[in-house]
Protein backbone atom coordinates (compact mmCIF):
# COMPACT_ATOMS: atom_id res chain seq x y z
CA MET A 1 58.50 -67.15 44.42
CA SER A 2 55.56 -66.97 41.45
CA ALA A 3 55.81 -65.38 38.07
CA MET A 4 53.02 -64.28 36.40
CA ALA A 5 53.26 -63.13 32.43
CA PHE A 6 50.65 -61.60 30.42
CA VAL A 7 51.55 -62.74 27.14
CA SER A 8 49.78 -61.46 23.17
CA ILE A 9 51.81 -63.69 19.98
CA THR A 10 49.76 -62.88 17.35
CA PRO A 11 51.06 -63.21 13.68
CA LEU A 12 51.24 -60.59 11.08
CA GLY A 13 50.86 -60.87 7.83
CA GLU A 14 48.55 -64.11 7.80
CA GLY A 15 44.80 -62.40 7.03
CA GLU A 16 42.10 -61.35 9.37
CA SER A 17 41.39 -63.91 11.22
CA VAL A 18 44.46 -65.29 13.59
CA SER A 19 43.01 -68.04 15.50
CA LYS A 20 44.21 -70.97 14.59
CA PHE A 21 47.87 -69.45 14.95
CA VAL A 22 47.04 -68.42 18.24
CA ALA A 23 45.98 -71.88 19.10
CA LYS A 24 48.79 -72.98 18.44
CA SER A 25 50.31 -71.48 20.85
CA VAL A 26 47.40 -71.95 23.59
CA GLN A 27 48.31 -75.97 23.07
CA VAL A 28 52.13 -74.95 23.85
CA ILE A 29 50.88 -73.38 27.10
CA LYS A 30 48.40 -75.52 28.00
CA ASP A 31 50.84 -78.75 27.60
CA SER A 32 53.57 -76.80 29.60
CA GLY A 33 51.62 -77.82 33.21
CA LEU A 34 51.99 -74.90 34.11
CA SER A 35 48.83 -72.82 35.45
CA TRP A 36 47.27 -70.45 32.55
CA GLN A 37 44.31 -68.67 31.61
CA LEU A 38 43.07 -67.85 28.18
CA THR A 39 41.45 -64.06 28.08
CA PRO A 40 40.25 -62.47 24.65
CA MET A 41 43.34 -60.22 24.31
CA GLY A 42 45.70 -63.16 25.70
CA THR A 43 47.13 -65.50 28.01
CA VAL A 44 47.93 -65.46 31.13
CA ILE A 45 51.00 -67.88 32.77
CA GLU A 46 52.31 -68.59 36.17
CA GLY A 47 55.14 -71.08 37.47
CA GLU A 48 57.34 -70.80 40.54
CA LYS A 49 60.22 -69.75 38.50
CA LEU A 50 60.64 -67.21 35.94
CA ASP A 51 63.26 -68.95 33.65
CA GLU A 52 60.06 -71.54 33.42
CA VAL A 53 57.66 -68.92 32.04
CA PHE A 54 59.94 -67.45 29.63
CA ALA A 55 60.51 -70.90 28.62
CA VAL A 56 57.10 -71.59 27.55
CA ILE A 57 56.82 -68.34 25.97
CA ASN A 58 59.37 -69.22 24.14
CA ARG A 59 58.27 -72.52 22.70
CA ALA A 60 54.92 -70.84 22.03
CA VAL A 61 56.29 -68.64 19.67
CA GLU A 62 58.42 -71.27 18.20
CA ALA A 63 55.19 -72.55 17.74
CA GLN A 64 54.29 -70.69 14.54
CA ASP A 65 56.85 -71.93 12.82
CA GLU A 66 55.04 -70.78 9.19
CA CYS A 67 54.81 -67.29 10.06
CA GLU A 68 57.32 -65.05 8.77
CA ARG A 69 56.65 -62.40 11.41
CA ILE A 70 55.35 -62.35 14.60
CA SER A 71 54.50 -59.74 16.92
CA ILE A 72 55.05 -60.65 20.65
CA SER A 73 53.53 -58.40 24.06
CA VAL A 74 54.20 -59.81 27.24
CA LYS A 75 53.89 -58.14 30.95
CA ILE A 76 55.20 -59.38 34.06
CA ASP A 77 54.58 -59.73 37.52
CA TYR A 78 57.34 -61.21 40.07
CA ARG A 79 57.10 -61.85 43.10
CA LYS A 80 59.71 -63.22 45.68
CA ASN A 81 57.54 -63.10 48.77
CA LYS A 82 54.76 -64.80 48.12
CA SER A 83 52.88 -66.89 45.32
CA LEU A 84 50.34 -65.01 43.42
CA GLY A 85 47.80 -67.20 42.17
CA LEU A 86 45.66 -66.94 38.85
CA ASN A 87 42.46 -65.13 40.19
CA THR A 88 44.37 -63.68 43.46
CA LYS A 89 44.70 -59.99 41.69
CA VAL A 90 40.97 -60.39 40.28
CA ASP A 91 39.52 -61.57 43.67
CA SER A 92 41.47 -58.79 45.90
CA VAL A 93 39.47 -56.39 42.89
CA MET A 94 36.81 -58.07 43.05
CA ASN A 95 36.10 -58.14 47.20
CA LYS A 96 36.45 -54.33 47.03
CA LEU A 97 33.92 -53.59 44.40
CA LYS A 98 31.05 -55.17 47.06
């Protein structure tokens, strides 16, 4: 089994630059022990179980304790029949481009 989530956690009303807030959430994800990858538009998190990925997302949102309003976008790929791997999908597409 494998659960991969793309998550974007963005505080609203905190000014033009939110990187200091984003860093708080990314630190929670990093400390979780799950595989993860930061992108310019969000973070990809991978775990064996869906509930462990959701728990990390929840803690990452809670890290924004000083923000009154937060926009959260999540997209999930959940596979019961095999593990995904953070680079598996990218590698598959890149191999087809060659």
